[in-house]
Amino acid sequence: MVQAYILVQTEVGKAAAVASAIAGITGVISAEDVTGPYDVIVRAEADDVDLLGQLVVAQVQGVNGITRTLTCPVVHLPS
């Protein structure tokens, strides 16, 4: 299982609607609207990195109101 944070920039005034739409996508664990340089932060998971990429490109980026995304895969470093 691969997980990632997806940082999303939206059109002005669209953050809540974008977060709500993304939250309904299969594979999305959470989608929260936030303040700062990004408007929504998403946590998502997929069986492998290819499926994660498909989730981001085919589904998340297709949500109306998104202007840009940045995907940050979670890594597990040894202690």
PDB file of N, CA and C in Angstrom:
ATOM      1  N   MET A   1       0.848  -1.182   0.000  1.00  0.00           N
ATOM      2  CA  MET A   1       0.000   0.000   0.000  1.00  0.00           C
ATOM      3  C   MET A   1       0.892   1.244   0.000  1.00  0.00           C
ATOM      4  N   VAL A   2       0.575   2.181  -0.870  1.00  0.00           N
ATOM      5  CA  VAL A   2       1.293   3.444  -0.980  1.00  0.00           C
ATOM      6  C   VAL A   2       0.350   4.563  -0.565  1.00  0.00           C
ATOM      7  N   GLN A   3       0.843   5.477   0.260  1.00  0.00           N
ATOM      8  CA  GLN A   3       0.044   6.630   0.665  1.00  0.00           C
ATOM      9  C   GLN A   3       0.771   7.910   0.260  1.00  0.00           C
ATOM     10  N   ALA A   4      -0.005   8.987   0.086  1.00  0.00           N
ATOM     11  CA  ALA A   4       0.583  10.272  -0.272  1.00  0.00           C
ATOM     12  C   ALA A   4      -0.300  11.396   0.240  1.00  0.00           C
ATOM     13  N   TYR A   5       0.344  12.541   0.442  1.00  0.00           N
ATOM     14  CA  TYR A   5      -0.386  13.783   0.664  1.00  0.00           C
ATOM     15  C   TYR A   5      -0.430  14.499  -0.678  1.00  0.00           C
ATOM     16  N   ILE A   6      -1.580  15.013  -1.023  1.00  0.00           N
ATOM     17  CA  ILE A   6      -1.737  15.764  -2.262  1.00  0.00           C
ATOM     18  C   ILE A   6      -2.093  17.192  -1.860  1.00  0.00           C
ATOM     19  N   LEU A   7      -1.225  18.136  -2.194  1.00  0.00           N
ATOM     20  CA  LEU A   7      -1.438  19.542  -1.878  1.00  0.00           C
ATOM     21  C   LEU A   7      -2.125  20.177  -3.077  1.00  0.00           C
ATOM     22  N   VAL A   8      -3.251  20.842  -2.829  1.00  0.00           N
ATOM     23  CA  VAL A   8      -4.105  21.318  -3.917  1.00  0.00           C
ATOM     24  C   VAL A   8      -4.286  22.831  -3.829  1.00  0.00           C
ATOM     25  N   GLN A   9      -4.088  23.498  -4.949  1.00  0.00           N
ATOM     26  CA  GLN A   9      -4.441  24.908  -5.080  1.00  0.00           C
ATOM     27  C   GLN A   9      -5.730  24.974  -5.882  1.00  0.00           C
ATOM     28  N   THR A  10      -6.631  25.886  -5.478  1.00  0.00           N
ATOM     29  CA  THR A  10      -7.927  25.999  -6.139  1.00  0.00           C
ATOM     30  C   THR A  10      -8.167  27.422  -6.627  1.00  0.00           C
ATOM     31  N   GLU A  11      -9.202  27.560  -7.423  1.00  0.00           N
ATOM     32  CA  GLU A  11      -9.671  28.888  -7.777  1.00  0.00           C
ATOM     33  C   GLU A  11     -10.183  29.565  -6.508  1.00  0.00           C
ATOM     34  N   VAL A  12     -10.178  30.882  -6.483  1.00  0.00           N
ATOM     35  CA  VAL A  12     -10.625  31.640  -5.313  1.00  0.00           C
ATOM     36  C   VAL A  12     -12.065  31.244  -4.957  1.00  0.00           C
ATOM     37  N   GLY A  13     -12.272  30.946  -3.673  1.00  0.00           N
ATOM     38  CA  GLY A  13     -13.596  30.628  -3.175  1.00  0.00           C
ATOM     39  C   GLY A  13     -14.070  29.216  -3.445  1.00  0.00           C
ATOM     40  N   LYS A  14     -13.206  28.347  -3.979  1.00  0.00           N
ATOM     41  CA  LYS A  14     -13.617  26.977  -4.338  1.00  0.00           C
ATOM     42  C   LYS A  14     -13.087  25.900  -3.395  1.00  0.00           C
ATOM     43  N   ALA A  15     -12.325  26.268  -2.375  1.00  0.00           N
ATOM     44  CA  ALA A  15     -11.659  25.264  -1.534  1.00  0.00           C
ATOM     45  C   ALA A  15     -12.638  24.290  -0.890  1.00  0.00           C
ATOM     46  N   ALA A  16     -13.709  24.789  -0.299  1.00  0.00           N
ATOM     47  CA  ALA A  16     -14.657  23.900   0.396  1.00  0.00           C
ATOM     48  C   ALA A  16     -15.319  22.934  -0.576  1.00  0.00           C
ATOM     49  N   ALA A  17     -15.718  23.423  -1.736  1.00  0.00           N
ATOM     50  CA  ALA A  17     -16.373  22.562  -2.731  1.00  0.00           C
ATOM     51  C   ALA A  17     -15.402  21.519  -3.277  1.00  0.00           C
ATOM     52  N   VAL A  18     -14.155  21.931  -3.506  1.00  0.00           N
ATOM     53  CA  VAL A  18     -13.138  21.004  -4.001  1.00  0.00           C
ATOM     54  C   VAL A  18     -12.856  19.923  -2.953  1.00  0.00           C
ATOM     55  N   ALA A  19     -12.674  20.305  -1.694  1.00  0.00           N
ATOM     56  CA  ALA A  19     -12.416  19.331  -0.630  1.00  0.00           C
ATOM     57  C   ALA A  19     -13.562  18.338  -0.514  1.00  0.00           C
ATOM     58  N   SER A  20     -14.777  18.818  -0.603  1.00  0.00           N
ATOM     59  CA  SER A  20     -15.951  17.944  -0.517  1.00  0.00           C
ATOM     60  C   SER A  20     -15.993  16.962  -1.682  1.00  0.00           C
ATOM     61  N   ALA A  21     -15.721  17.442  -2.881  1.00  0.00           N
ATOM     62  CA  ALA A  21     -15.734  16.565  -4.052  1.00  0.00           C
ATOM     63  C   ALA A  21     -14.632  15.514  -3.979  1.00  0.00           C
ATOM     64  N   ILE A  22     -13.441  15.929  -3.567  1.00  0.00           N
ATOM     65  CA  ILE A  22     -12.321  14.993  -3.472  1.00  0.00           C
ATOM     66  C   ILE A  22     -12.569  13.945  -2.394  1.00  0.00           C
ATOM     67  N   ALA A  23     -13.197  14.342  -1.308  1.00  0.00           N
ATOM     68  CA  ALA A  23     -13.455  13.406  -0.199  1.00  0.00           C
ATOM     69  C   ALA A  23     -14.280  12.207  -0.648  1.00  0.00           C
ATOM     70  N   GLY A  24     -15.064  12.354  -1.699  1.00  0.00           N
ATOM     71  CA  GLY A  24     -15.898  11.261  -2.188  1.00  0.00           C
ATOM     72  C   GLY A  24     -15.211  10.313  -3.151  1.00  0.00           C
ATOM     73  N   ILE A  25     -13.956  10.548  -3.468  1.00  0.00           N
ATOM     74  CA  ILE A  25     -13.223   9.706  -4.416  1.00  0.00           C
ATOM     75  C   ILE A  25     -12.680   8.476  -3.688  1.00  0.00           C
ATOM     76  N   THR A  26     -12.867   7.309  -4.282  1.00  0.00           N
ATOM     77  CA  THR A  26     -12.342   6.066  -3.710  1.00  0.00           C
ATOM     78  C   THR A  26     -10.820   6.137  -3.639  1.00  0.00           C
ATOM     79  N   GLY A  27     -10.269   5.812  -2.489  1.00  0.00           N
ATOM     80  CA  GLY A  27      -8.830   5.881  -2.263  1.00  0.00           C
ATOM     81  C   GLY A  27      -8.415   7.102  -1.470  1.00  0.00           C
ATOM     82  N   VAL A  28      -9.329   8.062  -1.333  1.00  0.00           N
ATOM     83  CA  VAL A  28      -9.036   9.255  -0.539  1.00  0.00           C
ATOM     84  C   VAL A  28      -9.377   8.978   0.913  1.00  0.00           C
ATOM     85  N   ILE A  29      -8.413   9.150   1.787  1.00  0.00           N
ATOM     86  CA  ILE A  29      -8.596   8.932   3.227  1.00  0.00           C
ATOM     87  C   ILE A  29      -9.196  10.176   3.872  1.00  0.00           C
ATOM     88  N   SER A  30      -8.688  11.355   3.483  1.00  0.00           N
ATOM     89  CA  SER A  30      -9.220  12.606   4.015  1.00  0.00           C
ATOM     90  C   SER A  30      -8.928  13.731   3.037  1.00  0.00           C
ATOM     91  N   ALA A  31      -9.756  14.772   3.106  1.00  0.00           N
ATOM     92  CA  ALA A  31      -9.564  15.977   2.298  1.00  0.00           C
ATOM     93  C   ALA A  31     -10.013  17.150   3.155  1.00  0.00           C
ATOM     94  N   GLU A  32      -9.084  18.014   3.487  1.00  0.00           N
ATOM     95  CA  GLU A  32      -9.354  19.137   4.385  1.00  0.00           C
ATOM     96  C   GLU A  32      -9.019  20.449   3.706  1.00  0.00           C
ATOM     97  N   ASP A  33      -9.912  21.459   3.831  1.00  0.00           N
ATOM     98  CA  ASP A  33      -9.540  22.783   3.339  1.00  0.00           C
ATOM     99  C   ASP A  33      -8.734  23.471   4.435  1.00  0.00           C
ATOM    100  N   VAL A  34      -7.666  24.142   4.005  1.00  0.00           N
ATOM    101  CA  VAL A  34      -6.698  24.747   4.925  1.00  0.00           C
ATOM    102  C   VAL A  34      -6.359  26.163   4.452  1.00  0.00           C
ATOM    103  N   THR A  35      -5.602  26.890   5.267  1.00  0.00           N
ATOM    104  CA  THR A  35      -5.105  28.197   4.852  1.00  0.00           C
ATOM    105  C   THR A  35      -3.623  28.077   4.534  1.00  0.00           C
ATOM    106  N   GLY A  36      -3.105  29.023   3.792  1.00  0.00           N
ATOM    107  CA  GLY A  36      -1.693  29.011   3.428  1.00  0.00           C
ATOM    108  C   GLY A  36      -1.532  28.939   1.928  1.00  0.00           C
ATOM    109  N   PRO A  37      -0.366  28.499   1.459  1.00  0.00           N
ATOM    110  CA  PRO A  37      -0.117  28.478   0.020  1.00  0.00           C
ATOM    111  C   PRO A  37      -0.964  27.443  -0.723  1.00  0.00           C
ATOM    112  N   TYR A  38      -1.471  26.446  -0.002  1.00  0.00           N
ATOM    113  CA  TYR A  38      -2.362  25.445  -0.596  1.00  0.00           C
ATOM    114  C   TYR A  38      -3.728  25.603   0.050  1.00  0.00           C
ATOM    115  N   ASP A  39      -4.750  25.218  -0.686  1.00  0.00           N
ATOM    116  CA  ASP A  39      -6.122  25.408  -0.223  1.00  0.00           C
ATOM    117  C   ASP A  39      -6.747  24.137   0.333  1.00  0.00           C
ATOM    118  N   VAL A  40      -6.287  22.983  -0.141  1.00  0.00           N
ATOM    119  CA  VAL A  40      -6.811  21.692   0.304  1.00  0.00           C
ATOM    120  C   VAL A  40      -5.628  20.748   0.454  1.00  0.00           C
ATOM    121  N   ILE A  41      -5.638  19.956   1.536  1.00  0.00           N
ATOM    122  CA  ILE A  41      -4.643  18.894   1.701  1.00  0.00           C
ATOM    123  C   ILE A  41      -5.395  17.575   1.753  1.00  0.00           C
ATOM    124  N   VAL A  42      -4.954  16.656   0.893  1.00  0.00           N
ATOM    125  CA  VAL A  42      -5.617  15.361   0.734  1.00  0.00           C
ATOM    126  C   VAL A  42      -4.647  14.274   1.177  1.00  0.00           C
ATOM    127  N   ARG A  43      -5.167  13.252   1.848  1.00  0.00           N
ATOM    128  CA  ARG A  43      -4.377  12.035   2.116  1.00  0.00           C
ATOM    129  C   ARG A  43      -5.049  10.928   1.332  1.00  0.00           C
ATOM    130  N   ALA A  44      -4.264  10.234   0.509  1.00  0.00           N
ATOM    131  CA  ALA A  44      -4.814   9.191  -0.353  1.00  0.00           C
ATOM    132  C   ALA A  44      -3.944   7.949  -0.279  1.00  0.00           C
ATOM    133  N   GLU A  45      -4.530   6.811  -0.688  1.00  0.00           N
ATOM    134  CA  GLU A  45      -3.779   5.565  -0.715  1.00  0.00           C
ATOM    135  C   GLU A  45      -4.184   4.734  -1.924  1.00  0.00           C
ATOM    136  N   ALA A  46      -3.247   3.907  -2.373  1.00  0.00           N
ATOM    137  CA  ALA A  46      -3.483   2.989  -3.483  1.00  0.00           C
ATOM    138  C   ALA A  46      -2.571   1.784  -3.304  1.00  0.00           C
ATOM    139  N   ASP A  47      -2.834   0.724  -4.058  1.00  0.00           N
ATOM    140  CA  ASP A  47      -2.049  -0.503  -3.920  1.00  0.00           C
ATOM    141  C   ASP A  47      -0.597  -0.332  -4.358  1.00  0.00           C
ATOM    142  N   ASP A  48      -0.347   0.522  -5.357  1.00  0.00           N
ATOM    143  CA  ASP A  48       1.028   0.762  -5.803  1.00  0.00           C
ATOM    144  C   ASP A  48       1.132   2.184  -6.351  1.00  0.00           C
ATOM    145  N   VAL A  49       2.355   2.585  -6.666  1.00  0.00           N
ATOM    146  CA  VAL A  49       2.595   3.969  -7.086  1.00  0.00           C
ATOM    147  C   VAL A  49       1.915   4.280  -8.425  1.00  0.00           C
ATOM    148  N   ASP A  50       1.801   3.304  -9.310  1.00  0.00           N
ATOM    149  CA  ASP A  50       1.120   3.533 -10.585  1.00  0.00           C
ATOM    150  C   ASP A  50      -0.360   3.828 -10.371  1.00  0.00           C
ATOM    151  N   LEU A  51      -1.003   3.066  -9.494  1.00  0.00           N
ATOM    152  CA  LEU A  51      -2.420   3.309  -9.197  1.00  0.00           C
ATOM    153  C   LEU A  51      -2.611   4.632  -8.469  1.00  0.00           C
ATOM    154  N   LEU A  52      -1.643   5.000  -7.642  1.00  0.00           N
ATOM    155  CA  LEU A  52      -1.702   6.299  -6.981  1.00  0.00           C
ATOM    156  C   LEU A  52      -1.633   7.422  -8.015  1.00  0.00           C
ATOM    157  N   GLY A  53      -0.744   7.295  -8.971  1.00  0.00           N
ATOM    158  CA  GLY A  53      -0.639   8.276 -10.039  1.00  0.00           C
ATOM    159  C   GLY A  53      -1.924   8.377 -10.842  1.00  0.00           C
ATOM    160  N   GLN A  54      -2.541   7.246 -11.129  1.00  0.00           N
ATOM    161  CA  GLN A  54      -3.813   7.248 -11.850  1.00  0.00           C
ATOM    162  C   GLN A  54      -4.902   7.933 -11.037  1.00  0.00           C
ATOM    163  N   LEU A  55      -4.920   7.696  -9.731  1.00  0.00           N
ATOM    164  CA  LEU A  55      -5.889   8.337  -8.852  1.00  0.00           C
ATOM    165  C   LEU A  55      -5.730   9.857  -8.918  1.00  0.00           C
ATOM    166  N   VAL A  56      -4.502  10.325  -8.860  1.00  0.00           N
ATOM    167  CA  VAL A  56      -4.252  11.773  -8.877  1.00  0.00           C
ATOM    168  C   VAL A  56      -4.612  12.367 -10.231  1.00  0.00           C
ATOM    169  N   VAL A  57      -4.098  11.791 -11.302  1.00  0.00           N
ATOM    170  CA  VAL A  57      -4.274  12.376 -12.633  1.00  0.00           C
ATOM    171  C   VAL A  57      -5.703  12.208 -13.154  1.00  0.00           C
ATOM    172  N   ALA A  58      -6.254  11.016 -13.033  1.00  0.00           N
ATOM    173  CA  ALA A  58      -7.563  10.738 -13.639  1.00  0.00           C
ATOM    174  C   ALA A  58      -8.734  11.215 -12.795  1.00  0.00           C
ATOM    175  N   GLN A  59      -8.552  11.275 -11.473  1.00  0.00           N
ATOM    176  CA  GLN A  59      -9.704  11.595 -10.634  1.00  0.00           C
ATOM    177  C   GLN A  59      -9.551  12.909  -9.883  1.00  0.00           C
ATOM    178  N   VAL A  60      -8.508  13.045  -9.091  1.00  0.00           N
ATOM    179  CA  VAL A  60      -8.351  14.254  -8.278  1.00  0.00           C
ATOM    180  C   VAL A  60      -8.211  15.487  -9.175  1.00  0.00           C
ATOM    181  N   GLN A  61      -7.314  15.435 -10.150  1.00  0.00           N
ATOM    182  CA  GLN A  61      -7.091  16.605 -10.999  1.00  0.00           C
ATOM    183  C   GLN A  61      -8.300  16.923 -11.879  1.00  0.00           C
ATOM    184  N   GLY A  62      -9.229  15.999 -12.005  1.00  0.00           N
ATOM    185  CA  GLY A  62     -10.434  16.234 -12.794  1.00  0.00           C
ATOM    186  C   GLY A  62     -11.516  17.001 -12.053  1.00  0.00           C
ATOM    187  N   VAL A  63     -11.318  17.248 -10.764  1.00  0.00           N
ATOM    188  CA  VAL A  63     -12.315  17.967  -9.975  1.00  0.00           C
ATOM    189  C   VAL A  63     -12.340  19.431 -10.405  1.00  0.00           C
ATOM    190  N   ASN A  64     -13.520  19.951 -10.659  1.00  0.00           N
ATOM    191  CA  ASN A  64     -13.698  21.332 -11.093  1.00  0.00           C
ATOM    192  C   ASN A  64     -13.212  22.297 -10.008  1.00  0.00           C
ATOM    193  N   GLY A  65     -12.423  23.294 -10.398  1.00  0.00           N
ATOM    194  CA  GLY A  65     -11.946  24.313  -9.471  1.00  0.00           C
ATOM    195  C   GLY A  65     -10.496  24.161  -9.068  1.00  0.00           C
ATOM    196  N   ILE A  66      -9.867  23.042  -9.426  1.00  0.00           N
ATOM    197  CA  ILE A  66      -8.455  22.835  -9.093  1.00  0.00           C
ATOM    198  C   ILE A  66      -7.585  23.523 -10.133  1.00  0.00           C
ATOM    199  N   THR A  67      -6.569  24.246  -9.666  1.00  0.00           N
ATOM    200  CA  THR A  67      -5.632  24.886 -10.579  1.00  0.00           C
ATOM    201  C   THR A  67      -4.264  24.205 -10.596  1.00  0.00           C
ATOM    202  N   ARG A  68      -3.904  23.511  -9.471  1.00  0.00           N
ATOM    203  CA  ARG A  68      -2.582  22.892  -9.393  1.00  0.00           C
ATOM    204  C   ARG A  68      -2.557  21.872  -8.266  1.00  0.00           C
ATOM    205  N   THR A  69      -1.776  20.794  -8.451  1.00  0.00           N
ATOM    206  CA  THR A  69      -1.578  19.819  -7.381  1.00  0.00           C
ATOM    207  C   THR A  69      -0.092  19.510  -7.230  1.00  0.00           C
ATOM    208  N   LEU A  70       0.268  19.072  -6.033  1.00  0.00           N
ATOM    209  CA  LEU A  70       1.616  18.603  -5.744  1.00  0.00           C
ATOM    210  C   LEU A  70       1.465  17.336  -4.914  1.00  0.00           C
ATOM    211  N   THR A  71       1.955  16.213  -5.425  1.00  0.00           N
ATOM    212  CA  THR A  71       1.812  14.930  -4.739  1.00  0.00           C
ATOM    213  C   THR A  71       3.088  14.606  -3.974  1.00  0.00           C
ATOM    214  N   CYS A  72       2.927  14.298  -2.681  1.00  0.00           N
ATOM    215  CA  CYS A  72       4.051  13.999  -1.795  1.00  0.00           C
ATOM    216  C   CYS A  72       3.869  12.593  -1.230  1.00  0.00           C
ATOM    217  N   PRO A  73       4.521  11.586  -1.826  1.00  0.00           N
ATOM    218  CA  PRO A  73       4.389  10.217  -1.317  1.00  0.00           C
ATOM    219  C   PRO A  73       4.955  10.091   0.103  1.00  0.00           C
ATOM    220  N   VAL A  74       4.303   9.276   0.899  1.00  0.00           N
ATOM    221  CA  VAL A  74       4.758   9.008   2.269  1.00  0.00           C
ATOM    222  C   VAL A  74       5.874   7.965   2.193  1.00  0.00           C
ATOM    223  N   VAL A  75       6.975   8.213   2.878  1.00  0.00           N
ATOM    224  CA  VAL A  75       8.072   7.246   2.952  1.00  0.00           C
ATOM    225  C   VAL A  75       8.231   6.792   4.399  1.00  0.00           C
ATOM    226  N   HIS A  76       8.696   5.570   4.554  1.00  0.00           N
ATOM    227  CA  HIS A  76       8.909   5.029   5.899  1.00  0.00           C
ATOM    228  C   HIS A  76      10.411   4.816   6.088  1.00  0.00           C
ATOM    229  N   LEU A  77      11.032   5.734   6.825  1.00  0.00           N
ATOM    230  CA  LEU A  77      12.461   5.689   7.050  1.00  0.00           C
ATOM    231  C   LEU A  77      12.778   4.847   8.290  1.00  0.00           C
ATOM    232  N   PRO A  78      13.889   4.149   8.271  1.00  0.00           N
ATOM    233  CA  PRO A  78      14.252   3.357   9.450  1.00  0.00           C
ATOM    234  C   PRO A  78      14.548   4.279  10.638  1.00  0.00           C
ATOM    235  N   SER A  79      14.283   3.777  11.825  1.00  0.00           N
ATOM    236  CA  SER A  79      14.510   4.572  13.057  1.00  0.00           C
ATOM    237  C   SER A  79      15.967   4.728  13.357  1.00  0.00           C
TER     238      SER A  79
END
